[in-house]
Amino acid sequence: MYTFLLLLIFAGSFFWYCSSEKVKIKHGPSALLTLVNDKTRSRILGIVLLGLSWLLTMYLQGLLSGTLAFGAYAMGFFSLIVLLWPYRYFQWRQLAFVFLFSLFLETIIF
């Protein structure tokens, strides 16, 4: 459950980051580029994903602790995206591998 939660937060923060006027993304999958080039759609999608993940975090951890945890998760992902995206450290295959590996570990351990 937390793997999907962190994936939602990452995706929401990434789409919110892409909605900035200063960000120009030229490399990536074609479906991503079409979503990113439309700034209003990217911002709406980012708000929806972040709102959904905030509600999911509050459901999992309670009202106050879920809100505080969501703030910490969002700050962490926004920091990672702002710092590492311009250097192209995020490769989609690597992110997919990390997601599947963490989903596998979460399923086995919990």
N, C-alpha and C. Protein backbone atom coordinates (compact mmCIF):
# COMPACT_ATOMS: atom_id res chain seq x y z
N MET A 1 0.81 -1.19 0.00
CA MET A 1 0.00 0.00 0.00
C MET A 1 0.86 1.26 0.00
N TYR A 2 1.91 1.22 0.78
CA TYR A 2 2.78 2.40 0.84
C TYR A 2 3.57 2.59 -0.46
N THR A 3 3.80 1.52 -1.18
CA THR A 3 4.49 1.65 -2.47
C THR A 3 3.63 2.43 -3.44
N PHE A 4 2.34 2.10 -3.50
CA PHE A 4 1.45 2.86 -4.39
C PHE A 4 1.27 4.29 -3.90
N LEU A 5 1.25 4.47 -2.59
CA LEU A 5 1.14 5.81 -2.02
C LEU A 5 2.34 6.67 -2.43
N LEU A 6 3.54 6.13 -2.30
CA LEU A 6 4.73 6.89 -2.67
C LEU A 6 4.81 7.10 -4.18
N LEU A 7 4.30 6.15 -4.96
CA LEU A 7 4.24 6.34 -6.41
C LEU A 7 3.29 7.47 -6.76
N LEU A 8 2.15 7.55 -6.10
CA LEU A 8 1.21 8.64 -6.34
C LEU A 8 1.82 9.99 -5.98
N ILE A 9 2.51 10.04 -4.86
CA ILE A 9 3.14 11.30 -4.44
C ILE A 9 4.24 11.69 -5.42
N PHE A 10 5.04 10.73 -5.87
CA PHE A 10 6.08 11.03 -6.85
C PHE A 10 5.48 11.54 -8.15
N ALA A 11 4.44 10.87 -8.63
CA ALA A 11 3.82 11.28 -9.89
C ALA A 11 3.17 12.65 -9.76
N GLY A 12 2.48 12.90 -8.66
CA GLY A 12 1.87 14.21 -8.45
C GLY A 12 2.90 15.31 -8.36
N SER A 13 4.01 15.06 -7.64
CA SER A 13 5.05 16.09 -7.55
C SER A 13 5.73 16.31 -8.88
N PHE A 14 5.91 15.23 -9.65
CA PHE A 14 6.54 15.39 -10.96
C PHE A 14 5.66 16.20 -11.90
N PHE A 15 4.37 15.92 -11.93
CA PHE A 15 3.48 16.69 -12.80
C PHE A 15 3.36 18.14 -12.34
N TRP A 16 3.38 18.37 -11.04
CA TRP A 16 3.36 19.75 -10.55
C TRP A 16 4.65 20.47 -10.94
N TYR A 17 5.78 19.78 -10.84
CA TYR A 17 7.06 20.35 -11.26
C TYR A 17 7.05 20.68 -12.75
N CYS A 18 6.45 19.81 -13.54
CA CYS A 18 6.41 20.03 -14.99
C CYS A 18 5.49 21.17 -15.39
N SER A 19 4.59 21.57 -14.49
CA SER A 19 3.67 22.65 -14.84
C SER A 19 4.32 24.03 -14.73
N SER A 20 5.55 24.09 -14.27
CA SER A 20 6.26 25.35 -14.17
C SER A 20 6.63 25.86 -15.56
N GLU A 21 6.64 27.16 -15.71
CA GLU A 21 6.97 27.76 -17.01
C GLU A 21 8.46 27.65 -17.32
N LYS A 22 9.29 27.54 -16.30
CA LYS A 22 10.74 27.48 -16.51
C LYS A 22 11.22 26.09 -16.92
N VAL A 23 10.41 25.08 -16.69
CA VAL A 23 10.83 23.70 -16.96
C VAL A 23 10.51 23.36 -18.40
N LYS A 24 11.50 22.89 -19.12
CA LYS A 24 11.33 22.43 -20.50
C LYS A 24 11.78 20.98 -20.57
N ILE A 25 10.84 20.07 -20.75
CA ILE A 25 11.16 18.65 -20.84
C ILE A 25 11.08 18.25 -22.30
N LYS A 26 12.17 17.73 -22.82
CA LYS A 26 12.24 17.36 -24.23
C LYS A 26 12.45 15.88 -24.44
N HIS A 27 12.90 15.16 -23.41
CA HIS A 27 13.20 13.74 -23.54
C HIS A 27 12.27 12.94 -22.63
N GLY A 28 11.79 11.83 -23.15
CA GLY A 28 10.93 10.94 -22.37
C GLY A 28 9.94 10.25 -23.27
N PRO A 29 9.10 9.41 -22.69
CA PRO A 29 8.07 8.73 -23.47
C PRO A 29 7.08 9.72 -24.07
N SER A 30 6.51 9.37 -25.21
CA SER A 30 5.64 10.31 -25.92
C SER A 30 4.38 10.63 -25.12
N ALA A 31 3.84 9.67 -24.39
CA ALA A 31 2.65 9.93 -23.58
C ALA A 31 2.96 10.95 -22.48
N LEU A 32 4.15 10.85 -21.91
CA LEU A 32 4.55 11.80 -20.88
C LEU A 32 4.74 13.19 -21.47
N LEU A 33 5.35 13.26 -22.63
CA LEU A 33 5.59 14.57 -23.25
C LEU A 33 4.29 15.28 -23.61
N THR A 34 3.28 14.54 -24.05
CA THR A 34 2.01 15.20 -24.36
C THR A 34 1.33 15.72 -23.10
N LEU A 35 1.44 14.98 -21.99
CA LEU A 35 0.87 15.47 -20.73
C LEU A 35 1.63 16.67 -20.19
N VAL A 36 2.93 16.66 -20.35
CA VAL A 36 3.76 17.70 -19.77
C VAL A 36 3.68 19.00 -20.57
N ASN A 37 3.52 18.90 -21.87
CA ASN A 37 3.50 20.12 -22.69
C ASN A 37 2.27 20.97 -22.44
N ASP A 38 1.17 20.39 -22.01
CA ASP A 38 -0.01 21.15 -21.64
C ASP A 38 0.09 21.49 -20.15
N LYS A 39 0.44 22.74 -19.84
CA LYS A 39 0.74 23.14 -18.46
C LYS A 39 -0.49 23.06 -17.55
N THR A 40 -1.67 23.44 -18.03
CA THR A 40 -2.84 23.40 -17.17
C THR A 40 -3.26 21.96 -16.88
N ARG A 41 -3.18 21.10 -17.86
CA ARG A 41 -3.51 19.69 -17.63
C ARG A 41 -2.52 19.05 -16.66
N SER A 42 -1.26 19.42 -16.80
CA SER A 42 -0.24 18.89 -15.91
C SER A 42 -0.46 19.37 -14.47
N ARG A 43 -0.84 20.63 -14.31
CA ARG A 43 -1.10 21.15 -12.97
C ARG A 43 -2.33 20.50 -12.34
N ILE A 44 -3.39 20.33 -13.13
CA ILE A 44 -4.60 19.69 -12.61
C ILE A 44 -4.32 18.24 -12.22
N LEU A 45 -3.58 17.52 -13.08
CA LEU A 45 -3.24 16.14 -12.78
C LEU A 45 -2.37 16.05 -11.53
N GLY A 46 -1.44 16.99 -11.36
CA GLY A 46 -0.61 17.01 -10.16
C GLY A 46 -1.43 17.26 -8.91
N ILE A 47 -2.38 18.18 -8.98
CA ILE A 47 -3.23 18.48 -7.82
C ILE A 47 -4.10 17.27 -7.47
N VAL A 48 -4.66 16.63 -8.49
CA VAL A 48 -5.52 15.46 -8.24
C VAL A 48 -4.71 14.32 -7.62
N LEU A 49 -3.54 14.05 -8.16
CA LEU A 49 -2.72 12.95 -7.62
C LEU A 49 -2.24 13.26 -6.20
N LEU A 50 -1.82 14.50 -5.95
CA LEU A 50 -1.37 14.86 -4.61
C LEU A 50 -2.54 14.86 -3.62
N GLY A 51 -3.71 15.31 -4.05
CA GLY A 51 -4.88 15.28 -3.17
C GLY A 51 -5.30 13.86 -2.83
N LEU A 52 -5.28 12.99 -3.83
CA LEU A 52 -5.62 11.59 -3.60
C LEU A 52 -4.61 10.92 -2.67
N SER A 53 -3.35 11.21 -2.86
CA SER A 53 -2.34 10.62 -1.98
C SER A 53 -2.42 11.20 -0.57
N TRP A 54 -2.83 12.46 -0.44
CA TRP A 54 -3.00 13.05 0.89
C TRP A 54 -4.16 12.35 1.62
N LEU A 55 -5.26 12.13 0.92
CA LEU A 55 -6.39 11.42 1.52
C LEU A 55 -6.02 9.98 1.89
N LEU A 56 -5.26 9.33 1.03
CA LEU A 56 -4.83 7.97 1.31
C LEU A 56 -3.89 7.91 2.51
N THR A 57 -3.02 8.89 2.63
CA THR A 57 -2.12 8.95 3.78
C THR A 57 -2.90 9.19 5.06
N MET A 58 -3.89 10.08 5.00
CA MET A 58 -4.71 10.32 6.19
C MET A 58 -5.52 9.08 6.56
N TYR A 59 -5.96 8.32 5.57
CA TYR A 59 -6.70 7.09 5.85
C TYR A 59 -5.79 6.05 6.51
N LEU A 60 -4.57 5.94 6.04
CA LEU A 60 -3.66 4.93 6.57
C LEU A 60 -3.10 5.28 7.95
N GLN A 61 -2.85 6.57 8.20
CA GLN A 61 -2.13 6.93 9.42
C GLN A 61 -2.92 7.81 10.38
N GLY A 62 -4.12 8.17 10.03
CA GLY A 62 -4.89 9.06 10.88
C GLY A 62 -4.82 10.48 10.36
N LEU A 63 -5.66 11.34 10.92
CA LEU A 63 -5.80 12.70 10.39
C LEU A 63 -4.53 13.54 10.54
N LEU A 64 -4.07 13.72 11.75
CA LEU A 64 -2.93 14.60 11.98
C LEU A 64 -1.62 13.96 11.55
N SER A 65 -1.38 12.74 11.95
CA SER A 65 -0.12 12.11 11.58
C SER A 65 -0.05 11.84 10.07
N GLY A 66 -1.18 11.59 9.43
CA GLY A 66 -1.20 11.42 7.97
C GLY A 66 -0.88 12.71 7.25
N THR A 67 -1.39 13.82 7.77
CA THR A 67 -1.09 15.11 7.17
C THR A 67 0.38 15.46 7.32
N LEU A 68 0.92 15.23 8.50
CA LEU A 68 2.33 15.52 8.73
C LEU A 68 3.23 14.59 7.90
N ALA A 69 2.86 13.33 7.80
CA ALA A 69 3.65 12.39 6.99
C ALA A 69 3.57 12.76 5.52
N PHE A 70 2.39 13.16 5.05
CA PHE A 70 2.27 13.58 3.66
C PHE A 70 3.15 14.79 3.38
N GLY A 71 3.19 15.73 4.31
CA GLY A 71 4.06 16.89 4.13
C GLY A 71 5.52 16.49 4.02
N ALA A 72 5.94 15.55 4.86
CA ALA A 72 7.33 15.09 4.80
C ALA A 72 7.60 14.34 3.50
N TYR A 73 6.68 13.47 3.08
CA TYR A 73 6.85 12.74 1.83
C TYR A 73 6.91 13.70 0.64
N ALA A 74 6.01 14.66 0.63
CA ALA A 74 5.95 15.61 -0.49
C ALA A 74 7.22 16.45 -0.54
N MET A 75 7.68 16.92 0.62
CA MET A 75 8.91 17.72 0.63
C MET A 75 10.09 16.90 0.13
N GLY A 76 10.15 15.64 0.53
CA GLY A 76 11.24 14.79 0.07
C GLY A 76 11.21 14.56 -1.43
N PHE A 77 10.04 14.27 -1.97
CA PHE A 77 9.96 14.02 -3.40
C PHE A 77 10.16 15.28 -4.22
N PHE A 78 9.62 16.42 -3.75
CA PHE A 78 9.86 17.66 -4.48
C PHE A 78 11.35 18.00 -4.49
N SER A 79 12.02 17.79 -3.36
CA SER A 79 13.46 18.05 -3.31
C SER A 79 14.22 17.15 -4.26
N LEU A 80 13.87 15.86 -4.28
CA LEU A 80 14.55 14.94 -5.20
C LEU A 80 14.33 15.32 -6.66
N ILE A 81 13.11 15.68 -7.00
CA ILE A 81 12.80 16.01 -8.39
C ILE A 81 13.52 17.28 -8.80
N VAL A 82 13.48 18.31 -7.96
CA VAL A 82 14.12 19.57 -8.32
C VAL A 82 15.63 19.41 -8.41
N LEU A 83 16.22 18.61 -7.54
CA LEU A 83 17.67 18.46 -7.55
C LEU A 83 18.17 17.51 -8.63
N LEU A 84 17.46 16.41 -8.87
CA LEU A 84 18.00 15.37 -9.74
C LEU A 84 17.45 15.36 -11.16
N TRP A 85 16.29 15.93 -11.41
CA TRP A 85 15.72 15.88 -12.76
C TRP A 85 16.57 16.63 -13.79
N PRO A 86 17.10 17.81 -13.50
CA PRO A 86 17.92 18.49 -14.52
C PRO A 86 19.17 17.70 -14.92
N TYR A 87 19.66 16.85 -14.06
CA TYR A 87 20.84 16.05 -14.40
C TYR A 87 20.48 14.73 -15.07
N ARG A 88 19.20 14.50 -15.28
CA ARG A 88 18.67 13.29 -15.92
C ARG A 88 19.10 12.02 -15.18
N TYR A 89 18.99 12.05 -13.87
CA TYR A 89 19.28 10.86 -13.08
C TYR A 89 18.11 9.90 -13.05
N PHE A 90 16.92 10.37 -13.39
CA PHE A 90 15.74 9.51 -13.40
C PHE A 90 15.61 8.86 -14.76
N GLN A 91 15.77 7.56 -14.81
CA GLN A 91 15.49 6.78 -16.00
C GLN A 91 14.23 5.97 -15.70
N TRP A 92 13.31 5.91 -16.64
CA TRP A 92 12.02 5.29 -16.38
C TRP A 92 12.14 3.79 -16.12
N ARG A 93 13.09 3.16 -16.73
CA ARG A 93 13.29 1.73 -16.47
C ARG A 93 13.78 1.51 -15.04
N GLN A 94 14.67 2.38 -14.58
CA GLN A 94 15.17 2.25 -13.22
C GLN A 94 14.07 2.52 -12.20
N LEU A 95 13.24 3.52 -12.47
CA LEU A 95 12.13 3.81 -11.56
C LEU A 95 11.13 2.67 -11.53
N ALA A 96 10.87 2.07 -12.69
CA ALA A 96 9.96 0.93 -12.73
C ALA A 96 10.53 -0.25 -11.96
N PHE A 97 11.84 -0.48 -12.08
CA PHE A 97 12.49 -1.56 -11.34
C PHE A 97 12.41 -1.32 -9.84
N VAL A 98 12.68 -0.11 -9.40
CA VAL A 98 12.62 0.21 -7.97
C VAL A 98 11.19 0.05 -7.46
N PHE A 99 10.21 0.47 -8.25
CA PHE A 99 8.82 0.33 -7.85
C PHE A 99 8.43 -1.15 -7.73
N LEU A 100 8.77 -1.95 -8.72
CA LEU A 100 8.41 -3.36 -8.67
C LEU A 100 9.15 -4.10 -7.56
N PHE A 101 10.42 -3.75 -7.34
CA PHE A 101 11.19 -4.37 -6.28
C PHE A 101 10.62 -4.02 -4.91
N SER A 102 10.26 -2.76 -4.70
CA SER A 102 9.69 -2.37 -3.41
C SER A 102 8.30 -2.96 -3.23
N LEU A 103 7.53 -3.10 -4.31
CA LEU A 103 6.24 -3.75 -4.21
C LEU A 103 6.40 -5.23 -3.85
N PHE A 104 7.40 -5.87 -4.43
CA PHE A 104 7.70 -7.27 -4.09
C PHE A 104 8.09 -7.41 -2.63
N LEU A 105 8.98 -6.53 -2.14
CA LEU A 105 9.39 -6.60 -0.74
C LEU A 105 8.23 -6.28 0.20
N GLU A 106 7.41 -5.33 -0.18
CA GLU A 106 6.27 -4.99 0.68
C GLU A 106 5.28 -6.15 0.76
N THR A 107 5.11 -6.85 -0.34
CA THR A 107 4.20 -8.00 -0.36
C THR A 107 4.75 -9.15 0.47
N ILE A 108 6.04 -9.39 0.37
CA ILE A 108 6.63 -10.52 1.10
C ILE A 108 6.75 -10.22 2.59
N ILE A 109 7.20 -9.04 2.94
CA ILE A 109 7.46 -8.73 4.35
C ILE A 109 6.16 -8.48 5.10
N PHE A 110 5.25 -7.73 4.51
CA PHE A 110 4.03 -7.38 5.23
C PHE A 110 2.90 -8.25 4.77
